[in-house]
Amino acid sequence: MAKLKKAARTKTTSRRPAAKSAKAASHNLISTAQQIWAAGVGALARAQGEGTDMFDALVKKGMSLEAQTRKLANGKVDVVRASVEDRVENVREKATDTWDRMEKVFEDRVQRALTRLGVPTREDLAGLNKRVEALTAELRKQNGKALAPKKASVPAKKAVKKASVTKKAGKAVLPKAPTPRAPKA
């Protein structure tokens, strides 16, 4: 029992300093919390004071970076613009060449189709006109009439007009094709 009393006394005495140490720890904790709070308020005050200066410094730095970027971009834009203009010019030339070739092919095909149909060309008609004039002059000489040769008689002019391509109301009218004849065997 004596041992129990002694153990009880030891526990009681050890409780007293624990209570004192709990109060001290509680006081330290409150003091630390107050210091943390004060540090936060101080940081806020410092940020408010230096925040404006820092903001101005950041704006200044941003403006200088933007100016440098614009200079660099403007130089690149000029290079890109020149490159694009060169490419557009090349494409335009190729398109024009292609268009000219297509137009030539179309004209050639139309000419071949007209030739197959027996439609005389302008040159053919001019040659025939010269031959008719020469024959007319020869006939007049043989008949004893030495009259000056006329340019072309009225029927010859009508034939030339009918054979050539005319435009009526903005539309091209092609002459009628001659009636095809069966080949002689």
C-alpha atoms as a PDB file:
ATOM      1  CA  MET A   1       0.000   0.000   0.000  1.00  0.00           C
ATOM      2  CA  ALA A   2       2.824   2.227   0.736  1.00  0.00           C
ATOM      3  CA  LYS A   3       3.906   1.698  -2.762  1.00  0.00           C
ATOM      4  CA  LEU A   4       0.514   2.747  -4.013  1.00  0.00           C
ATOM      5  CA  LYS A   5       0.537   5.900  -1.937  1.00  0.00           C
ATOM      6  CA  LYS A   6       3.969   6.690  -3.130  1.00  0.00           C
ATOM      7  CA  ALA A   7       2.911   6.092  -6.762  1.00  0.00           C
ATOM      8  CA  ALA A   8      -0.187   8.234  -6.233  1.00  0.00           C
ATOM      9  CA  ARG A   9       1.919  11.051  -4.825  1.00  0.00           C
ATOM     10  CA  THR A  10       4.243  10.834  -7.789  1.00  0.00           C
ATOM     11  CA  LYS A  11       1.319  10.973 -10.214  1.00  0.00           C
ATOM     12  CA  THR A  12      -0.222  13.929  -8.414  1.00  0.00           C
ATOM     13  CA  THR A  13       3.022  15.832  -8.367  1.00  0.00           C
ATOM     14  CA  SER A  14       3.568  15.083 -12.012  1.00  0.00           C
ATOM     15  CA  ARG A  15       0.096  16.427 -12.798  1.00  0.00           C
ATOM     16  CA  ARG A  16       0.839  19.808 -11.380  1.00  0.00           C
ATOM     17  CA  PRO A  17       3.770  20.550 -13.632  1.00  0.00           C
ATOM     18  CA  ALA A  18       1.749  19.200 -16.586  1.00  0.00           C
ATOM     19  CA  ALA A  19      -0.946  21.757 -15.890  1.00  0.00           C
ATOM     20  CA  LYS A  20       1.676  24.485 -15.715  1.00  0.00           C
ATOM     21  CA  SER A  21       3.264  23.262 -18.931  1.00  0.00           C
ATOM     22  CA  ALA A  22      -0.165  23.121 -20.655  1.00  0.00           C
ATOM     23  CA  LYS A  23      -0.743  26.738 -19.715  1.00  0.00           C
ATOM     24  CA  ALA A  24       2.702  27.652 -20.999  1.00  0.00           C
ATOM     25  CA  ALA A  25       2.138  25.757 -24.220  1.00  0.00           C
ATOM     26  CA  SER A  26      -1.245  27.417 -24.649  1.00  0.00           C
ATOM     27  CA  HIS A  27       0.361  30.821 -24.025  1.00  0.00           C
ATOM     28  CA  ASN A  28       3.120  29.999 -26.577  1.00  0.00           C
ATOM     29  CA  LEU A  29       0.521  28.883 -29.107  1.00  0.00           C
ATOM     30  CA  ILE A  30      -1.484  32.088 -28.714  1.00  0.00           C
ATOM     31  CA  SER A  31       1.685  34.140 -28.932  1.00  0.00           C
ATOM     32  CA  THR A  32       2.776  32.300 -32.097  1.00  0.00           C
ATOM     33  CA  ALA A  33      -0.675  32.741 -33.666  1.00  0.00           C
ATOM     34  CA  GLN A  34      -0.533  36.475 -32.896  1.00  0.00           C
ATOM     35  CA  GLN A  35       2.910  36.703 -34.474  1.00  0.00           C
ATOM     36  CA  ILE A  36       1.683  34.878 -37.596  1.00  0.00           C
ATOM     37  CA  TRP A  37      -1.306  37.208 -37.809  1.00  0.00           C
ATOM     38  CA  ALA A  38       0.943  40.254 -37.395  1.00  0.00           C
ATOM     39  CA  ALA A  39       3.289  38.928 -40.101  1.00  0.00           C
ATOM     40  CA  GLY A  40       0.347  38.475 -42.492  1.00  0.00           C
ATOM     41  CA  VAL A  41      -0.939  41.991 -41.814  1.00  0.00           C
ATOM     42  CA  GLY A  42       2.589  43.333 -42.304  1.00  0.00           C
ATOM     43  CA  ALA A  43       2.929  41.450 -45.601  1.00  0.00           C
ATOM     44  CA  LEU A  44      -0.406  42.859 -46.748  1.00  0.00           C
ATOM     45  CA  ALA A  45       0.648  46.395 -45.859  1.00  0.00           C
ATOM     46  CA  ARG A  46       3.986  45.934 -47.636  1.00  0.00           C
ATOM     47  CA  ALA A  47       2.263  44.459 -50.713  1.00  0.00           C
ATOM     48  CA  GLN A  48      -0.124  47.424 -50.796  1.00  0.00           C
ATOM     49  CA  GLY A  49       2.746  49.870 -50.528  1.00  0.00           C
ATOM     50  CA  GLU A  50       5.009  48.129 -53.024  1.00  0.00           C
ATOM     51  CA  GLY A  51       2.176  46.758 -55.159  1.00  0.00           C
ATOM     52  CA  THR A  52       1.712  49.989 -57.073  1.00  0.00           C
ATOM     53  CA  ASP A  53       5.437  50.277 -57.715  1.00  0.00           C
ATOM     54  CA  MET A  54       5.618  46.631 -58.751  1.00  0.00           C
ATOM     55  CA  PHE A  55       2.582  47.033 -61.022  1.00  0.00           C
ATOM     56  CA  ASP A  56       4.156  50.066 -62.705  1.00  0.00           C
ATOM     57  CA  ALA A  57       7.430  48.176 -63.172  1.00  0.00           C
ATOM     58  CA  LEU A  58       5.584  45.215 -64.700  1.00  0.00           C
ATOM     59  CA  VAL A  59       3.641  47.497 -67.066  1.00  0.00           C
ATOM     60  CA  LYS A  60       6.896  49.169 -68.155  1.00  0.00           C
ATOM     61  CA  LYS A  61       8.537  45.795 -68.794  1.00  0.00           C
ATOM     62  CA  GLY A  62       5.485  44.582 -70.709  1.00  0.00           C
ATOM     63  CA  MET A  63       5.457  47.684 -72.908  1.00  0.00           C
ATOM     64  CA  SER A  64       9.129  47.264 -73.802  1.00  0.00           C
ATOM     65  CA  LEU A  65       8.581  43.587 -74.665  1.00  0.00           C
ATOM     66  CA  GLU A  66       5.579  44.513 -76.812  1.00  0.00           C
ATOM     67  CA  ALA A  67       7.628  47.141 -78.679  1.00  0.00           C
ATOM     68  CA  GLN A  68      10.399  44.622 -79.360  1.00  0.00           C
ATOM     69  CA  THR A  69       7.868  42.054 -80.536  1.00  0.00           C
ATOM     70  CA  ARG A  70       6.229  44.572 -82.868  1.00  0.00           C
ATOM     71  CA  LYS A  71       9.581  45.504 -84.406  1.00  0.00           C
ATOM     72  CA  LEU A  72      10.381  41.854 -84.960  1.00  0.00           C
ATOM     73  CA  ALA A  73       6.892  41.114 -86.300  1.00  0.00           C
ATOM     74  CA  ASN A  74       6.907  44.128 -88.665  1.00  0.00           C
ATOM     75  CA  GLY A  75      10.176  42.953 -90.162  1.00  0.00           C
ATOM     76  CA  LYS A  76       8.752  39.476 -90.629  1.00  0.00           C
ATOM     77  CA  VAL A  77       5.490  40.833 -92.071  1.00  0.00           C
ATOM     78  CA  ASP A  78       7.397  42.703 -94.784  1.00  0.00           C
ATOM     79  CA  VAL A  79       9.323  39.556 -95.682  1.00  0.00           C
ATOM     80  CA  VAL A  80       6.168  37.436 -95.699  1.00  0.00           C
ATOM     81  CA  ARG A  81       4.261  40.054 -97.727  1.00  0.00           C
ATOM     82  CA  ALA A  82       7.017  40.139-100.361  1.00  0.00           C
ATOM     83  CA  SER A  83       7.058  36.342-100.497  1.00  0.00           C
ATOM     84  CA  VAL A  84       3.277  36.158-100.871  1.00  0.00           C
ATOM     85  CA  GLU A  85       3.299  38.814-103.610  1.00  0.00           C
ATOM     86  CA  ASP A  86       5.973  36.856-105.503  1.00  0.00           C
ATOM     87  CA  ARG A  87       3.943  33.670-105.239  1.00  0.00           C
ATOM     88  CA  VAL A  88       0.767  35.430-106.344  1.00  0.00           C
ATOM     89  CA  GLU A  89       2.600  36.861-109.355  1.00  0.00           C
ATOM     90  CA  ASN A  90       3.929  33.400-110.271  1.00  0.00           C
ATOM     91  CA  VAL A  91       0.462  31.880-109.964  1.00  0.00           C
ATOM     92  CA  ARG A  92      -1.010  34.720-112.033  1.00  0.00           C
ATOM     93  CA  GLU A  93       1.571  34.142-114.790  1.00  0.00           C
ATOM     94  CA  LYS A  94       0.928  30.403-114.785  1.00  0.00           C
ATOM     95  CA  ALA A  95      -2.828  30.969-114.910  1.00  0.00           C
ATOM     96  CA  THR A  96      -2.452  33.398-117.816  1.00  0.00           C
ATOM     97  CA  ASP A  97      -0.222  30.954-119.688  1.00  0.00           C
ATOM     98  CA  THR A  98      -2.663  28.122-119.046  1.00  0.00           C
ATOM     99  CA  TRP A  99      -5.589  30.274-120.163  1.00  0.00           C
ATOM    100  CA  ASP A 100      -3.748  31.239-123.369  1.00  0.00           C
ATOM    101  CA  ARG A 101      -2.969  27.595-124.098  1.00  0.00           C
ATOM    102  CA  MET A 102      -6.585  26.583-123.495  1.00  0.00           C
ATOM    103  CA  GLU A 103      -7.779  29.373-125.785  1.00  0.00           C
ATOM    104  CA  LYS A 104      -5.371  28.244-128.520  1.00  0.00           C
ATOM    105  CA  VAL A 105      -6.504  24.612-128.157  1.00  0.00           C
ATOM    106  CA  PHE A 106     -10.135  25.714-128.354  1.00  0.00           C
ATOM    107  CA  GLU A 107      -9.498  27.817-131.475  1.00  0.00           C
ATOM    108  CA  ASP A 108      -7.623  24.946-133.125  1.00  0.00           C
ATOM    109  CA  ARG A 109     -10.421  22.476-132.399  1.00  0.00           C
ATOM    110  CA  VAL A 110     -13.104  24.842-133.695  1.00  0.00           C
ATOM    111  CA  GLN A 111     -11.029  25.438-136.838  1.00  0.00           C
ATOM    112  CA  ARG A 112     -10.622  21.683-137.394  1.00  0.00           C
ATOM    113  CA  ALA A 113     -14.363  21.126-136.892  1.00  0.00           C
ATOM    114  CA  LEU A 114     -15.204  23.877-139.377  1.00  0.00           C
ATOM    115  CA  THR A 115     -12.696  22.449-141.846  1.00  0.00           C
ATOM    116  CA  ARG A 116     -14.237  18.956-141.500  1.00  0.00           C
ATOM    117  CA  LEU A 117     -17.666  20.438-142.124  1.00  0.00           C
ATOM    118  CA  GLY A 118     -16.387  22.116-145.269  1.00  0.00           C
ATOM    119  CA  VAL A 119     -16.775  25.716-144.063  1.00  0.00           C
ATOM    120  CA  PRO A 120     -14.321  27.851-145.987  1.00  0.00           C
ATOM    121  CA  THR A 121     -11.897  30.008-144.075  1.00  0.00           C
ATOM    122  CA  ARG A 122     -11.471  33.733-144.544  1.00  0.00           C
ATOM    123  CA  GLU A 123      -8.304  33.057-146.539  1.00  0.00           C
ATOM    124  CA  ASP A 124     -10.146  30.574-148.770  1.00  0.00           C
ATOM    125  CA  LEU A 125     -12.821  33.158-149.513  1.00  0.00           C
ATOM    126  CA  ALA A 126     -10.254  35.875-150.223  1.00  0.00           C
ATOM    127  CA  GLY A 127      -8.434  33.524-152.622  1.00  0.00           C
ATOM    128  CA  LEU A 128     -11.693  32.618-154.371  1.00  0.00           C
ATOM    129  CA  ASN A 129     -12.583  36.299-154.635  1.00  0.00           C
ATOM    130  CA  LYS A 130      -9.253  37.013-156.359  1.00  0.00           C
ATOM    131  CA  ARG A 131      -9.758  34.096-158.746  1.00  0.00           C
ATOM    132  CA  VAL A 132     -13.279  35.302-159.609  1.00  0.00           C
ATOM    133  CA  GLU A 133     -11.941  38.794-160.296  1.00  0.00           C
ATOM    134  CA  ALA A 134      -9.166  37.380-162.488  1.00  0.00           C
ATOM    135  CA  LEU A 135     -11.617  35.175-164.387  1.00  0.00           C
ATOM    136  CA  THR A 136     -14.028  38.082-164.817  1.00  0.00           C
ATOM    137  CA  ALA A 137     -11.244  40.227-166.209  1.00  0.00           C
ATOM    138  CA  GLU A 138     -10.239  37.454-168.595  1.00  0.00           C
ATOM    139  CA  LEU A 139     -13.829  36.974-169.794  1.00  0.00           C
ATOM    140  CA  ARG A 140     -14.219  40.669-170.453  1.00  0.00           C
ATOM    141  CA  LYS A 141     -11.029  40.690-172.498  1.00  0.00           C
ATOM    142  CA  GLN A 142     -12.245  37.724-174.547  1.00  0.00           C
ATOM    143  CA  ASN A 143     -15.661  39.265-175.115  1.00  0.00           C
ATOM    144  CA  GLY A 144     -14.010  42.425-176.339  1.00  0.00           C
ATOM    145  CA  LYS A 145     -15.173  44.520-173.513  1.00  0.00           C
ATOM    146  CA  ALA A 146     -12.199  46.199-172.029  1.00  0.00           C
ATOM    147  CA  LEU A 147     -14.039  47.637-169.109  1.00  0.00           C
ATOM    148  CA  ALA A 148     -12.307  48.179-165.830  1.00  0.00           C
ATOM    149  CA  PRO A 149     -12.841  45.214-163.567  1.00  0.00           C
ATOM    150  CA  LYS A 150     -15.330  45.793-160.831  1.00  0.00           C
ATOM    151  CA  LYS A 151     -14.419  44.931-157.290  1.00  0.00           C
ATOM    152  CA  ALA A 152     -16.993  42.249-156.756  1.00  0.00           C
ATOM    153  CA  SER A 153     -20.439  41.805-158.116  1.00  0.00           C
ATOM    154  CA  VAL A 154     -23.445  42.041-155.852  1.00  0.00           C
ATOM    155  CA  PRO A 155     -24.008  38.260-155.734  1.00  0.00           C
ATOM    156  CA  ALA A 156     -20.314  37.713-154.919  1.00  0.00           C
ATOM    157  CA  LYS A 157     -20.532  40.211-152.065  1.00  0.00           C
ATOM    158  CA  LYS A 158     -23.603  38.428-150.697  1.00  0.00           C
ATOM    159  CA  ALA A 159     -21.805  35.088-150.876  1.00  0.00           C
ATOM    160  CA  VAL A 160     -18.856  36.543-148.966  1.00  0.00           C
ATOM    161  CA  LYS A 161     -21.185  38.015-146.351  1.00  0.00           C
ATOM    162  CA  LYS A 162     -23.051  34.739-145.947  1.00  0.00           C
ATOM    163  CA  ALA A 163     -19.853  32.714-145.706  1.00  0.00           C
ATOM    164  CA  SER A 164     -18.190  34.939-143.137  1.00  0.00           C
ATOM    165  CA  VAL A 165     -19.122  34.918-139.501  1.00  0.00           C
ATOM    166  CA  THR A 166     -21.538  37.742-138.662  1.00  0.00           C
ATOM    167  CA  LYS A 167     -22.684  39.156-135.372  1.00  0.00           C
ATOM    168  CA  LYS A 168     -26.350  39.826-134.785  1.00  0.00           C
ATOM    169  CA  ALA A 169     -27.633  41.173-131.462  1.00  0.00           C
ATOM    170  CA  GLY A 170     -24.345  40.282-129.763  1.00  0.00           C
ATOM    171  CA  LYS A 171     -24.435  36.634-130.891  1.00  0.00           C
ATOM    172  CA  ALA A 172     -22.064  35.112-133.401  1.00  0.00           C
ATOM    173  CA  VAL A 173     -23.924  33.454-136.249  1.00  0.00           C
ATOM    174  CA  LEU A 174     -22.014  30.864-138.222  1.00  0.00           C
ATOM    175  CA  PRO A 175     -22.756  30.292-141.893  1.00  0.00           C
ATOM    176  CA  LYS A 176     -24.739  27.258-142.935  1.00  0.00           C
ATOM    177  CA  ALA A 177     -22.639  24.236-143.697  1.00  0.00           C
ATOM    178  CA  PRO A 178     -22.751  22.939-147.267  1.00  0.00           C
ATOM    179  CA  THR A 179     -24.719  19.788-147.895  1.00  0.00           C
ATOM    180  CA  PRO A 180     -22.375  16.822-147.633  1.00  0.00           C
ATOM    181  CA  ARG A 181     -21.899  14.885-150.835  1.00  0.00           C
ATOM    182  CA  ALA A 182     -21.223  11.239-151.113  1.00  0.00           C
ATOM    183  CA  PRO A 183     -17.667  10.496-152.160  1.00  0.00           C
ATOM    184  CA  LYS A 184     -17.237   9.349-155.757  1.00  0.00           C
ATOM    185  CA  ALA A 185     -16.129   5.817-156.036  1.00  0.00           C
END
